N, C-alpha and C. Protein backbone atom coordinates (compact mmCIF):
# COMPACT_ATOMS: atom_id res chain seq x y z
N MET A 1 0.89 -1.34 0.05
CA MET A 1 0.10 -0.05 0.07
C MET A 1 0.71 1.21 -0.10
N ASN A 2 0.66 2.06 -0.93
CA ASN A 2 1.18 3.38 -0.75
C ASN A 2 1.22 4.19 0.40
N ARG A 3 2.10 4.83 0.61
CA ARG A 3 2.40 5.78 2.11
C ARG A 3 1.30 6.84 1.64
N ARG A 4 0.62 7.39 2.59
CA ARG A 4 -0.50 8.31 2.71
C ARG A 4 -0.24 9.53 3.42
N ALA A 5 -0.65 10.68 3.11
CA ALA A 5 -0.34 11.93 4.19
C ALA A 5 -1.60 12.63 4.14
N VAL A 6 -2.01 13.57 5.31
CA VAL A 6 -2.77 14.58 5.39
C VAL A 6 -2.15 15.53 5.60
N ILE A 7 -2.38 16.62 4.81
CA ILE A 7 -1.62 17.91 5.32
C ILE A 7 -2.79 18.97 5.67
N PHE A 8 -2.42 19.63 7.06
CA PHE A 8 -3.51 20.30 7.57
C PHE A 8 -2.94 21.72 7.37
N ASP A 9 -4.01 22.83 7.45
CA ASP A 9 -3.94 24.35 7.65
C ASP A 9 -3.62 24.34 9.11
N LEU A 10 -3.21 25.45 9.61
CA LEU A 10 -3.27 25.64 11.05
C LEU A 10 -4.36 26.20 11.90
N ASP A 11 -4.31 27.69 11.31
CA ASP A 11 -5.53 28.71 12.02
C ASP A 11 -6.82 28.15 11.43
N GLY A 12 -7.70 27.97 12.49
CA GLY A 12 -9.13 27.88 11.94
C GLY A 12 -9.40 26.30 11.83
N VAL A 13 -8.26 25.58 11.79
CA VAL A 13 -8.45 24.16 11.24
C VAL A 13 -8.18 23.22 12.57
N LEU A 14 -6.80 23.36 12.83
CA LEU A 14 -6.28 22.76 14.22
C LEU A 14 -6.45 23.63 15.57
N ILE A 15 -6.05 25.02 15.22
CA ILE A 15 -6.32 25.69 16.41
C ILE A 15 -7.44 27.04 16.28
N ASP A 16 -8.18 27.39 17.15
CA ASP A 16 -9.22 28.44 16.83
C ASP A 16 -8.60 29.81 17.12
N SER A 17 -7.68 30.22 16.33
CA SER A 17 -6.96 31.46 16.15
C SER A 17 -7.56 32.61 15.43
N MET A 18 -8.55 32.14 14.76
CA MET A 18 -9.02 33.44 13.71
C MET A 18 -9.63 34.33 14.56
N PRO A 19 -10.51 34.18 15.70
CA PRO A 19 -11.12 35.38 16.34
C PRO A 19 -10.04 36.05 16.77
N PHE A 20 -8.77 35.65 17.05
CA PHE A 20 -7.64 36.46 17.57
C PHE A 20 -7.26 37.22 16.47
N HIS A 21 -7.12 36.82 15.35
CA HIS A 21 -6.43 37.61 14.08
C HIS A 21 -7.48 38.41 13.65
N TYR A 22 -8.83 38.24 13.71
CA TYR A 22 -9.90 39.30 13.37
C TYR A 22 -9.72 40.57 14.23
N GLN A 23 -9.53 39.89 15.40
CA GLN A 23 -9.78 41.20 16.83
C GLN A 23 -8.45 42.04 16.52
N ALA A 24 -7.31 41.41 16.11
CA ALA A 24 -6.07 42.38 16.05
C ALA A 24 -5.91 43.15 14.76
N TRP A 25 -6.55 42.59 13.54
CA TRP A 25 -6.48 43.15 12.36
C TRP A 25 -7.56 44.53 12.49
N ARG A 26 -8.60 44.17 13.41
CA ARG A 26 -9.73 45.09 13.52
C ARG A 26 -9.18 46.50 14.24
N GLN A 27 -8.46 45.97 15.27
CA GLN A 27 -7.73 47.33 16.14
C GLN A 27 -6.71 48.04 15.30
N ALA A 28 -6.15 47.22 14.61
CA ALA A 28 -5.02 47.94 13.80
C ALA A 28 -5.46 49.04 12.77
N PHE A 29 -6.45 48.61 12.36
CA PHE A 29 -7.02 49.48 11.06
C PHE A 29 -8.03 50.58 11.81
N ARG A 30 -8.56 50.20 12.95
CA ARG A 30 -9.28 51.33 13.62
C ARG A 30 -8.37 52.52 13.83
N GLU A 31 -7.29 52.46 13.73
CA GLU A 31 -6.11 53.57 14.15
C GLU A 31 -6.31 54.37 12.83
N PHE A 32 -6.94 53.88 11.90
CA PHE A 32 -7.00 54.76 10.49
C PHE A 32 -8.50 54.99 10.07
N ASP A 33 -9.08 54.89 11.00
CA ASP A 33 -10.64 55.12 10.90
C ASP A 33 -11.26 54.11 10.01
N ILE A 34 -10.82 52.85 9.91
CA ILE A 34 -11.28 51.92 8.90
C ILE A 34 -11.81 50.76 9.67
N THR A 35 -12.94 50.40 9.31
CA THR A 35 -13.69 49.50 10.00
C THR A 35 -13.98 48.24 9.05
N ILE A 36 -13.46 47.10 9.53
CA ILE A 36 -13.30 45.85 8.65
C ILE A 36 -14.31 44.87 9.35
N THR A 37 -14.88 43.85 8.56
CA THR A 37 -15.82 42.86 8.96
C THR A 37 -14.81 41.42 9.08
N ARG A 38 -15.64 40.68 10.08
CA ARG A 38 -14.94 39.11 10.10
C ARG A 38 -14.94 38.63 8.51
N GLU A 39 -15.73 38.73 7.80
CA GLU A 39 -15.75 38.17 6.61
C GLU A 39 -14.45 38.51 5.83
N GLU A 40 -14.09 39.75 5.69
CA GLU A 40 -13.04 40.50 5.13
C GLU A 40 -11.80 39.51 5.53
N ILE A 41 -11.56 39.30 6.95
CA ILE A 41 -10.31 38.61 7.41
C ILE A 41 -10.46 37.13 7.00
N TYR A 42 -11.58 36.31 7.38
CA TYR A 42 -11.60 35.02 7.28
C TYR A 42 -11.67 34.53 5.54
N GLU A 43 -12.05 35.39 4.77
CA GLU A 43 -11.70 35.26 3.30
C GLU A 43 -10.40 35.41 2.87
N ARG A 44 -9.54 36.18 3.67
CA ARG A 44 -7.93 36.41 3.29
C ARG A 44 -7.30 35.62 4.44
N GLU A 45 -7.63 34.77 4.98
CA GLU A 45 -6.82 33.53 5.87
C GLU A 45 -5.77 33.10 5.09
N GLY A 46 -4.74 33.03 5.33
CA GLY A 46 -3.75 32.44 4.72
C GLY A 46 -2.59 33.23 4.06
N GLU A 47 -3.41 34.53 3.57
CA GLU A 47 -2.80 35.49 2.72
C GLU A 47 -1.39 35.95 3.47
N LYS A 48 -0.48 36.66 2.90
CA LYS A 48 0.64 37.26 3.30
C LYS A 48 0.20 38.59 4.04
N ARG A 49 0.77 38.83 5.18
CA ARG A 49 0.16 39.98 5.82
C ARG A 49 0.32 41.33 5.16
N GLU A 50 1.54 41.57 4.37
CA GLU A 50 1.36 42.51 3.35
C GLU A 50 0.58 43.11 2.43
N THR A 51 -0.04 42.09 1.97
CA THR A 51 -1.09 41.94 0.99
C THR A 51 -2.20 42.29 1.62
N THR A 52 -2.67 41.67 2.78
CA THR A 52 -3.97 41.98 3.54
C THR A 52 -3.87 43.26 3.92
N ALA A 53 -2.69 43.93 4.70
CA ALA A 53 -2.74 45.18 4.98
C ALA A 53 -2.82 46.09 3.68
N LYS A 54 -2.29 46.02 2.61
CA LYS A 54 -2.21 47.00 1.53
C LYS A 54 -3.57 46.87 0.98
N GLU A 55 -4.14 45.81 0.53
CA GLU A 55 -5.52 45.67 -0.18
C GLU A 55 -6.52 46.12 0.62
N LEU A 56 -6.72 45.87 1.99
CA LEU A 56 -8.07 46.18 2.62
C LEU A 56 -7.90 48.01 2.90
N TYR A 57 -6.39 48.31 3.09
CA TYR A 57 -6.24 49.64 3.27
C TYR A 57 -6.68 50.47 2.04
N THR A 58 -6.51 50.01 0.75
CA THR A 58 -6.87 50.62 -0.45
C THR A 58 -8.26 50.37 -0.80
N LYS A 59 -8.92 49.34 -0.29
CA LYS A 59 -10.47 49.15 -0.52
C LYS A 59 -11.13 50.22 0.55
N HIS A 60 -10.85 50.45 1.70
CA HIS A 60 -11.37 51.33 2.32
C HIS A 60 -11.03 52.79 2.49
N ALA A 61 -9.84 53.03 2.22
CA ALA A 61 -9.34 54.26 2.28
C ALA A 61 -9.33 55.02 0.65
N GLY A 62 -9.59 54.24 -0.35
CA GLY A 62 -9.62 54.65 -1.57
C GLY A 62 -8.01 55.00 -2.18
N LYS A 63 -7.16 54.58 -1.75
CA LYS A 63 -5.82 54.92 -1.97
C LYS A 63 -4.91 54.03 -1.59
N GLU A 64 -3.96 53.80 -2.28
CA GLU A 64 -2.87 52.80 -1.82
C GLU A 64 -2.20 53.41 -0.71
N PRO A 65 -1.68 52.67 0.41
CA PRO A 65 -0.73 53.07 1.34
C PRO A 65 0.66 53.11 1.08
N ALA A 66 1.31 53.95 1.61
CA ALA A 66 2.91 53.94 1.32
C ALA A 66 3.24 52.84 2.23
N PRO A 67 4.77 52.40 1.82
CA PRO A 67 5.33 51.23 2.32
C PRO A 67 5.55 51.26 3.90
N ASN A 68 5.81 52.50 4.19
CA ASN A 68 5.88 52.77 5.98
C ASN A 68 4.41 52.49 6.67
N LEU A 69 3.40 52.87 6.06
CA LEU A 69 2.30 52.82 6.36
C LEU A 69 1.78 51.38 6.50
N ILE A 70 2.17 50.39 5.75
CA ILE A 70 1.97 49.03 5.52
C ILE A 70 2.74 48.46 6.63
N GLU A 71 3.74 48.93 6.82
CA GLU A 71 4.47 48.43 8.01
C GLU A 71 3.72 48.66 9.38
N SER A 72 3.32 49.68 9.49
CA SER A 72 2.79 50.24 10.83
C SER A 72 1.51 49.67 10.97
N ILE A 73 0.65 49.35 10.06
CA ILE A 73 -0.49 48.38 10.32
C ILE A 73 -0.37 47.05 10.77
N ILE A 74 0.75 46.32 9.96
CA ILE A 74 1.46 45.01 10.32
C ILE A 74 1.82 45.28 11.91
N HIS A 75 2.77 46.05 12.35
CA HIS A 75 3.31 46.12 13.48
C HIS A 75 2.30 46.31 14.53
N SER A 76 1.07 47.10 14.44
CA SER A 76 -0.18 47.27 15.46
C SER A 76 -0.85 45.90 15.30
N LYS A 77 -1.07 45.21 14.31
CA LYS A 77 -1.63 43.85 14.31
C LYS A 77 -1.20 43.19 15.29
N ASP A 78 0.21 42.92 14.74
CA ASP A 78 1.35 41.65 15.45
C ASP A 78 1.33 42.19 16.77
N LYS A 79 1.31 43.49 17.35
CA LYS A 79 1.37 43.75 18.59
C LYS A 79 0.09 43.40 19.51
N VAL A 80 -1.02 43.50 18.90
CA VAL A 80 -2.18 43.25 19.49
C VAL A 80 -2.21 41.75 19.41
N TYR A 81 -2.17 41.19 18.62
CA TYR A 81 -2.15 39.65 18.38
C TYR A 81 -1.32 38.87 19.49
N SER A 82 -0.05 39.18 19.65
CA SER A 82 0.88 38.54 20.41
C SER A 82 0.29 38.92 22.12
N SER A 83 -0.42 39.89 22.01
CA SER A 83 -0.80 40.18 23.39
C SER A 83 -2.10 39.32 23.95
N ILE A 84 -3.06 38.72 23.10
CA ILE A 84 -4.53 38.35 23.28
C ILE A 84 -4.13 36.96 22.73
N PHE A 85 -3.57 36.36 21.95
CA PHE A 85 -3.23 34.99 21.56
C PHE A 85 -3.09 33.97 22.44
N ARG A 86 -3.79 33.11 22.48
CA ARG A 86 -3.56 31.86 23.57
C ARG A 86 -4.01 30.40 22.57
N VAL A 87 -3.37 29.40 22.75
CA VAL A 87 -3.46 28.21 21.95
C VAL A 87 -4.70 27.85 22.39
N GLN A 88 -5.55 27.45 21.51
CA GLN A 88 -6.79 26.80 21.72
C GLN A 88 -7.11 25.69 20.65
N PHE A 89 -6.83 24.58 21.03
CA PHE A 89 -6.90 23.38 20.00
C PHE A 89 -8.29 23.18 19.77
N MET A 90 -8.71 23.14 18.33
CA MET A 90 -10.04 22.88 17.77
C MET A 90 -10.40 21.42 18.17
N HIS A 91 -11.67 21.50 18.91
CA HIS A 91 -12.25 19.97 19.29
C HIS A 91 -12.01 18.96 18.54
N GLY A 92 -11.25 18.13 19.00
CA GLY A 92 -11.20 16.71 18.25
C GLY A 92 -9.86 16.90 17.39
N ALA A 93 -9.24 17.91 17.18
CA ALA A 93 -8.08 18.09 16.34
C ALA A 93 -6.90 17.10 16.89
N LEU A 94 -6.56 17.23 17.95
CA LEU A 94 -5.40 16.57 18.21
C LEU A 94 -5.66 14.73 18.37
N GLU A 95 -6.90 14.50 18.34
CA GLU A 95 -7.39 13.04 18.17
C GLU A 95 -7.34 12.77 16.84
N LEU A 96 -7.55 13.73 16.04
CA LEU A 96 -7.52 13.51 14.46
C LEU A 96 -5.94 13.35 13.91
N LEU A 97 -5.00 14.01 14.46
CA LEU A 97 -3.87 13.97 14.15
C LEU A 97 -3.31 12.60 14.70
N SER A 98 -3.67 12.03 15.66
CA SER A 98 -3.32 10.85 16.34
C SER A 98 -3.96 9.62 15.51
N LEU A 99 -5.03 9.91 14.69
CA LEU A 99 -5.83 8.90 13.98
C LEU A 99 -5.00 8.63 12.67
N VAL A 100 -4.48 10.09 12.05
CA VAL A 100 -3.51 9.84 11.18
C VAL A 100 -2.26 8.84 11.46
N GLU A 101 -1.61 9.16 12.46
CA GLU A 101 -0.54 8.65 12.95
C GLU A 101 -0.69 7.17 13.08
N SER A 102 -1.74 6.75 13.66
CA SER A 102 -2.07 5.49 13.95
C SER A 102 -2.41 4.43 13.06
N ASN A 103 -2.67 5.48 11.66
CA ASN A 103 -3.00 4.36 10.58
C ASN A 103 -1.77 4.70 9.62
N LYS A 104 -0.60 4.95 10.21
CA LYS A 104 0.62 4.98 9.37
C LYS A 104 0.58 6.14 8.33
N GLY A 105 -0.03 6.93 8.58
CA GLY A 105 -0.01 8.00 7.46
C GLY A 105 0.80 9.29 8.00
N LYS A 106 1.50 9.91 7.06
CA LYS A 106 2.34 10.96 7.39
C LYS A 106 1.31 12.23 7.61
N LEU A 107 2.06 13.19 8.53
CA LEU A 107 1.35 14.38 8.67
C LEU A 107 2.10 15.79 8.10
N GLY A 108 1.21 16.67 7.44
CA GLY A 108 2.20 17.79 6.93
C GLY A 108 1.28 19.09 7.70
N LEU A 109 1.98 20.15 7.64
CA LEU A 109 1.28 21.38 8.26
C LEU A 109 1.96 22.33 7.25
N VAL A 110 0.71 23.30 6.53
CA VAL A 110 1.06 24.28 5.76
C VAL A 110 0.33 25.35 6.27
N THR A 111 0.92 26.63 6.81
CA THR A 111 0.29 27.65 7.24
C THR A 111 0.83 29.08 6.99
N GLY A 112 0.27 30.08 7.00
CA GLY A 112 0.88 31.17 6.83
C GLY A 112 1.63 32.23 7.94
N ALA A 113 1.52 31.21 9.18
CA ALA A 113 1.85 31.64 10.30
C ALA A 113 3.32 31.60 10.32
N THR A 114 4.02 32.45 11.07
CA THR A 114 5.33 32.44 11.23
C THR A 114 6.02 32.31 12.73
N SER A 115 7.06 32.20 13.09
CA SER A 115 7.54 31.96 14.41
C SER A 115 6.78 30.90 15.11
N LEU A 116 6.79 29.81 14.75
CA LEU A 116 5.92 28.51 15.20
C LEU A 116 6.37 28.11 16.45
N ASP A 117 7.57 28.29 16.67
CA ASP A 117 8.30 27.69 17.80
C ASP A 117 7.81 28.77 19.18
N ASP A 118 7.77 29.91 18.74
CA ASP A 118 7.22 30.90 19.89
C ASP A 118 5.69 30.56 20.11
N LEU A 119 4.82 30.40 18.87
CA LEU A 119 3.71 30.38 19.39
C LEU A 119 3.12 29.07 20.16
N PHE A 120 4.01 27.98 19.88
CA PHE A 120 3.95 26.83 20.67
C PHE A 120 4.85 26.22 21.71
N ARG A 121 5.37 27.45 22.23
CA ARG A 121 6.47 27.18 23.21
C ARG A 121 5.88 26.36 24.41
N GLU A 122 4.44 26.38 24.65
CA GLU A 122 3.92 25.78 25.68
C GLU A 122 3.35 24.41 25.59
N HIS A 123 3.40 24.06 24.09
CA HIS A 123 3.07 22.96 23.31
C HIS A 123 4.10 22.43 22.55
N LYS A 124 5.18 22.15 23.19
CA LYS A 124 6.07 21.75 22.18
C LYS A 124 6.16 20.45 21.31
N GLY A 125 5.27 19.36 21.92
CA GLY A 125 5.04 18.22 21.36
C GLY A 125 4.06 18.39 20.14
N PHE A 126 3.46 19.45 19.86
CA PHE A 126 2.49 19.50 18.77
C PHE A 126 3.25 19.74 17.51
N LEU A 127 4.33 20.35 17.26
CA LEU A 127 5.12 20.53 16.28
C LEU A 127 5.70 19.27 15.88
N ALA A 128 6.13 18.78 16.91
CA ALA A 128 7.00 17.48 16.65
C ALA A 128 5.98 16.36 15.97
N MET A 129 4.89 16.46 16.03
CA MET A 129 4.02 15.41 15.31
C MET A 129 4.13 15.28 13.83
N PHE A 130 4.31 16.44 13.33
CA PHE A 130 4.41 16.68 11.81
C PHE A 130 5.67 16.12 11.24
N ASP A 131 5.50 15.35 10.04
CA ASP A 131 6.68 15.03 9.24
C ASP A 131 7.23 16.12 8.37
N ALA A 132 6.34 17.18 8.08
CA ALA A 132 6.69 18.17 7.32
C ALA A 132 6.02 19.49 7.36
N ILE A 133 6.62 20.56 7.78
CA ILE A 133 6.14 21.81 8.21
C ILE A 133 6.25 22.94 7.15
N VAL A 134 5.52 23.74 6.60
CA VAL A 134 5.75 24.92 5.85
C VAL A 134 5.20 26.12 6.53
N ASP A 135 5.94 27.03 6.70
CA ASP A 135 5.46 28.26 7.38
C ASP A 135 5.47 29.45 6.50
N GLY A 136 4.92 30.51 7.06
CA GLY A 136 4.74 31.64 6.02
C GLY A 136 5.86 32.36 5.67
N ASP A 137 7.17 31.96 5.90
CA ASP A 137 8.47 32.59 5.67
C ASP A 137 9.02 31.99 4.52
N GLU A 138 8.51 30.54 4.29
CA GLU A 138 9.39 29.62 3.38
C GLU A 138 9.03 29.97 1.65
N PRO A 139 7.76 29.63 1.47
CA PRO A 139 7.62 29.95 -0.08
C PRO A 139 7.77 31.37 -0.37
N GLU A 140 7.94 31.64 -1.61
CA GLU A 140 7.90 32.89 -2.24
C GLU A 140 6.89 33.42 -2.29
N LYS A 141 5.59 32.67 -2.83
CA LYS A 141 4.52 33.26 -2.94
C LYS A 141 3.65 32.34 -2.00
N GLY A 142 2.74 32.92 -1.07
CA GLY A 142 1.84 32.26 -0.33
C GLY A 142 0.55 32.02 -1.05
N LYS A 143 -0.29 31.49 -0.24
CA LYS A 143 -1.61 31.37 -0.86
C LYS A 143 -2.35 32.42 -1.01
N PRO A 144 -3.07 32.39 -2.40
CA PRO A 144 -3.49 31.04 -3.08
C PRO A 144 -2.74 30.29 -4.08
N ALA A 145 -1.46 30.96 -4.48
CA ALA A 145 -0.30 30.18 -5.25
C ALA A 145 -0.35 28.77 -4.82
N PRO A 146 0.01 27.94 -5.43
CA PRO A 146 0.40 26.43 -5.39
C PRO A 146 1.48 26.35 -4.21
N ASP A 147 2.44 27.11 -4.39
CA ASP A 147 3.84 27.28 -3.64
C ASP A 147 3.83 26.54 -2.15
N PRO A 148 3.13 26.96 -1.32
CA PRO A 148 3.17 26.31 -0.15
C PRO A 148 2.76 24.80 0.17
N TYR A 149 2.01 24.71 -0.86
CA TYR A 149 1.53 23.00 -0.77
C TYR A 149 2.55 22.25 -1.78
N LEU A 150 3.14 22.71 -2.92
CA LEU A 150 4.00 22.16 -3.74
C LEU A 150 5.20 21.83 -2.58
N LEU A 151 5.85 22.92 -2.01
CA LEU A 151 6.80 22.57 -0.98
C LEU A 151 6.66 21.38 0.12
N ALA A 152 5.48 21.45 0.40
CA ALA A 152 4.83 20.47 1.61
C ALA A 152 5.30 19.16 0.84
N LEU A 153 4.56 19.06 -0.59
CA LEU A 153 4.77 17.59 -1.06
C LEU A 153 6.25 17.37 -1.29
N ARG A 154 7.09 18.22 -1.74
CA ARG A 154 8.84 17.77 -1.76
C ARG A 154 9.08 17.43 -0.54
N LYS A 155 8.74 18.00 0.64
CA LYS A 155 9.47 17.92 2.18
C LYS A 155 8.82 16.36 2.52
N LEU A 156 7.44 16.00 1.81
CA LEU A 156 6.93 14.64 2.35
C LEU A 156 7.48 13.52 1.61
N GLY A 157 8.01 13.90 0.18
CA GLY A 157 8.33 12.98 -0.59
C GLY A 157 7.21 12.26 -1.29
N LEU A 158 6.06 12.79 -1.45
CA LEU A 158 4.82 11.99 -1.96
C LEU A 158 4.25 12.88 -3.15
N LEU A 159 3.36 12.14 -4.05
CA LEU A 159 2.72 12.72 -4.78
C LEU A 159 1.39 13.18 -4.57
N PRO A 160 0.88 14.15 -5.43
CA PRO A 160 -0.25 14.85 -4.86
C PRO A 160 -1.44 13.78 -4.54
N GLN A 161 -1.46 12.75 -5.54
CA GLN A 161 -2.71 11.76 -5.17
C GLN A 161 -2.50 10.80 -3.96
N ASN A 162 -1.47 10.92 -3.38
CA ASN A 162 -1.39 10.24 -1.94
C ASN A 162 -1.49 11.20 -0.70
N CYS A 163 -2.05 12.33 -1.26
CA CYS A 163 -2.35 13.44 0.01
C CYS A 163 -3.43 13.90 0.01
N TYR A 164 -4.15 14.45 1.25
CA TYR A 164 -5.39 15.08 1.32
C TYR A 164 -4.91 16.18 2.17
N VAL A 165 -5.62 17.20 1.77
CA VAL A 165 -5.67 18.65 2.59
C VAL A 165 -6.78 19.09 3.19
N VAL A 166 -6.43 19.37 4.51
CA VAL A 166 -7.89 19.98 5.12
C VAL A 166 -7.49 21.61 5.49
N GLU A 167 -8.53 22.15 4.80
CA GLU A 167 -8.39 23.82 5.02
C GLU A 167 -9.82 24.19 5.41
N ASN A 168 -9.92 25.48 5.55
CA ASN A 168 -10.97 26.28 6.00
C ASN A 168 -11.35 27.68 5.65
N ALA A 169 -10.34 28.13 4.50
CA ALA A 169 -10.52 29.11 3.82
C ALA A 169 -10.27 29.21 2.31
N PRO A 170 -10.97 30.16 1.46
CA PRO A 170 -10.87 30.03 0.17
C PRO A 170 -9.59 30.18 -0.37
N LEU A 171 -8.61 30.90 0.09
CA LEU A 171 -7.24 31.04 -0.31
C LEU A 171 -6.48 29.76 -0.18
N GLY A 172 -6.60 29.11 0.98
CA GLY A 172 -5.83 27.98 1.07
C GLY A 172 -6.50 26.84 0.41
N ILE A 173 -7.63 26.81 -0.06
CA ILE A 173 -8.39 25.53 -0.74
C ILE A 173 -8.04 25.77 -2.15
N ARG A 174 -7.94 27.17 -2.67
CA ARG A 174 -7.32 27.26 -3.87
C ARG A 174 -6.07 27.02 -4.21
N SER A 175 -5.07 27.34 -3.23
CA SER A 175 -3.78 27.03 -3.08
C SER A 175 -3.45 25.18 -3.30
N ALA A 176 -4.17 24.53 -2.49
CA ALA A 176 -4.34 23.23 -2.47
C ALA A 176 -4.77 22.87 -3.59
N VAL A 177 -5.82 23.26 -4.59
CA VAL A 177 -6.12 22.69 -5.63
C VAL A 177 -5.37 23.01 -6.76
N ALA A 178 -4.48 23.96 -6.72
CA ALA A 178 -3.52 24.57 -7.69
C ALA A 178 -2.30 23.58 -7.67
N ALA A 179 -2.19 22.90 -6.48
CA ALA A 179 -0.91 22.01 -6.48
C ALA A 179 -1.56 20.46 -6.57
N HIS A 180 -2.78 20.52 -7.31
CA HIS A 180 -3.35 19.25 -7.90
C HIS A 180 -3.61 18.46 -6.37
N LEU A 181 -4.07 18.83 -5.18
CA LEU A 181 -4.29 18.28 -4.04
C LEU A 181 -5.90 18.16 -4.14
N THR A 182 -6.42 16.98 -3.27
CA THR A 182 -7.71 16.94 -2.96
C THR A 182 -7.79 17.68 -1.84
N CYS A 183 -8.84 18.48 -1.58
CA CYS A 183 -8.87 19.36 -0.29
C CYS A 183 -10.36 19.40 0.15
N LEU A 184 -10.40 18.94 1.47
CA LEU A 184 -11.57 18.92 2.34
C LEU A 184 -11.60 20.21 3.07
N ALA A 185 -12.65 20.86 3.23
CA ALA A 185 -13.02 21.92 3.90
C ALA A 185 -13.68 21.68 5.45
N VAL A 186 -13.17 22.29 6.32
CA VAL A 186 -13.95 22.37 7.67
C VAL A 186 -14.59 23.65 7.89
N LYS A 187 -15.65 23.76 8.00
CA LYS A 187 -16.03 25.31 8.43
C LYS A 187 -15.90 25.78 9.76
N GLY A 188 -15.76 25.04 10.75
CA GLY A 188 -15.45 25.20 12.46
C GLY A 188 -16.28 26.61 12.66
N THR A 189 -15.43 27.61 13.11
CA THR A 189 -16.08 28.87 13.54
C THR A 189 -16.04 29.92 12.47
N SER A 190 -15.79 29.55 11.38
CA SER A 190 -15.90 30.67 10.19
C SER A 190 -17.02 30.97 10.03
N PRO A 191 -17.34 32.37 9.56
CA PRO A 191 -18.64 32.79 9.21
C PRO A 191 -19.01 32.60 7.57
N LEU A 192 -17.84 32.02 6.97
CA LEU A 192 -17.92 31.81 5.55
C LEU A 192 -19.01 30.57 5.38
N SER A 193 -19.78 30.66 4.28
CA SER A 193 -20.75 29.71 3.84
C SER A 193 -20.22 28.43 3.39
N HIS A 194 -20.75 27.24 3.34
CA HIS A 194 -20.40 26.10 2.62
C HIS A 194 -20.23 26.15 1.25
N LYS A 195 -21.24 27.16 0.72
CA LYS A 195 -21.14 27.56 -0.88
C LYS A 195 -19.78 28.08 -1.27
N ILE A 196 -19.44 29.24 -0.26
CA ILE A 196 -17.95 29.74 -0.46
C ILE A 196 -16.97 28.82 -0.79
N LEU A 197 -16.87 27.81 0.41
CA LEU A 197 -15.88 26.94 0.51
C LEU A 197 -15.97 26.07 -0.74
N LYS A 198 -16.95 25.51 -1.10
CA LYS A 198 -17.23 24.62 -2.20
C LYS A 198 -16.52 25.39 -3.41
N GLU A 199 -17.02 26.60 -3.89
CA GLU A 199 -16.90 27.19 -5.01
C GLU A 199 -15.31 27.55 -5.01
N ALA A 200 -14.67 27.55 -3.92
CA ALA A 200 -13.19 27.74 -4.11
C ALA A 200 -12.64 26.50 -4.50
N GLY A 201 -13.06 25.43 -4.33
CA GLY A 201 -12.72 24.08 -5.02
C GLY A 201 -12.37 22.66 -4.06
N ALA A 202 -13.08 22.99 -2.67
CA ALA A 202 -13.02 22.04 -1.79
C ALA A 202 -13.95 20.68 -2.14
N ARG A 203 -13.64 19.66 -2.34
CA ARG A 203 -14.33 18.28 -2.52
C ARG A 203 -15.44 18.18 -1.60
N SER A 204 -15.15 18.52 -0.43
CA SER A 204 -16.49 18.26 0.59
C SER A 204 -16.24 19.31 1.48
N VAL A 205 -17.48 19.88 2.26
CA VAL A 205 -17.29 20.71 3.39
C VAL A 205 -18.03 19.96 4.51
N TYR A 206 -17.25 20.37 5.74
CA TYR A 206 -17.73 19.70 6.87
C TYR A 206 -17.93 21.05 7.98
N GLU A 207 -18.84 20.45 8.81
CA GLU A 207 -19.41 21.60 9.96
C GLU A 207 -17.98 21.64 10.74
N ASN A 208 -17.33 20.37 11.09
CA ASN A 208 -16.05 20.18 12.14
C ASN A 208 -15.31 19.29 11.74
N ILE A 209 -14.31 19.10 12.68
CA ILE A 209 -13.23 18.32 12.43
C ILE A 209 -13.86 16.53 12.50
N GLU A 210 -14.91 16.46 13.47
CA GLU A 210 -15.22 15.04 13.85
C GLU A 210 -16.15 14.60 12.52
N GLN A 211 -16.47 15.34 11.93
CA GLN A 211 -17.47 14.97 10.53
C GLN A 211 -16.63 14.49 9.35
N LEU A 212 -15.25 14.90 9.44
CA LEU A 212 -14.39 14.55 8.36
C LEU A 212 -13.74 13.09 8.76
N ARG A 213 -13.69 12.59 9.98
CA ARG A 213 -13.11 11.74 10.31
C ARG A 213 -13.14 10.24 9.60
N ASP A 214 -14.55 10.14 9.26
CA ASP A 214 -14.54 8.68 8.37
C ASP A 214 -13.98 8.88 6.83
N ASP A 215 -13.95 10.21 6.29
CA ASP A 215 -13.48 10.08 4.97
C ASP A 215 -11.96 10.13 5.07
N LEU A 216 -11.25 10.71 6.23
CA LEU A 216 -9.96 10.52 6.26
C LEU A 216 -9.41 9.15 6.50
N PHE A 217 -10.25 8.39 7.24
CA PHE A 217 -9.95 6.88 7.54
C PHE A 217 -10.06 6.21 6.12
N SER A 218 -10.91 6.44 5.47
CA SER A 218 -11.31 5.55 4.26
C SER A 218 -10.11 6.07 3.26
N PHE A 219 -9.50 7.31 3.20
CA PHE A 219 -8.48 7.56 2.63
C PHE A 219 -7.14 6.85 2.96
N LEU A 220 -6.98 6.82 4.02
CA LEU A 220 -5.93 6.30 4.74
C LEU A 220 -5.77 4.71 4.42
N ALA A 221 -7.05 4.22 4.36
CA ALA A 221 -6.76 2.54 4.51
C ALA A 221 -6.98 2.09 3.03
N SER A 222 -7.18 3.12 1.82
CA SER A 222 -7.21 2.83 0.73
C SER A 222 -5.96 2.52 0.12
N ASP A 223 -6.05 1.94 -1.43
CA ASP A 223 -5.24 1.68 -1.93
C ASP A 223 -5.16 2.23 -3.52
N ASN A 224 -3.89 2.41 -4.33
CA ASN A 224 -4.19 3.22 -5.68
C ASN A 224 -4.29 1.79 -6.25
């Protein structure tokens, strides 16, 4: 039987961090009298911070921000985020990772987040579970480009048909599909609809992690 792998997104899939990201972005933009919505942030999850800051500022202010303004927005966002963030694993997330391991599947992690060792300094065993990790600093192009997932495939040493991806946001889904990977979407705490996630290219959409367990088990047990 061919070796299989499941590659997970981090924010909104394995940890419930998106509410913290939204709060941090909201406060950062509020300094410029800009009000953003939850949907705007969830739709851009996985995107490089520079792109998020530039495009949302341009959208709401009607003009492009200078480079130093982009840096200021990001600095404010990071400062707020670091002060409020705490690791909250999604219900069933750690059990699902253990399920993959117990079925001799490899584990991958692809995230736009950076400084992962700092984020998980109180949960050091978490990162050690993964056979391959791609963070936001590694690929030249972030999601929705296929680069992050192509890099994960190289690190895992596997072909696309032997890997599933679990995502929760349109940009991540599009990135996985562009890398010729089958993507399953978990809605979790996202305000985005099943329709939006399906239209991004997800093969199936689930309300939560527990609902996709059977599909992943069948994939890991199957043979080409």
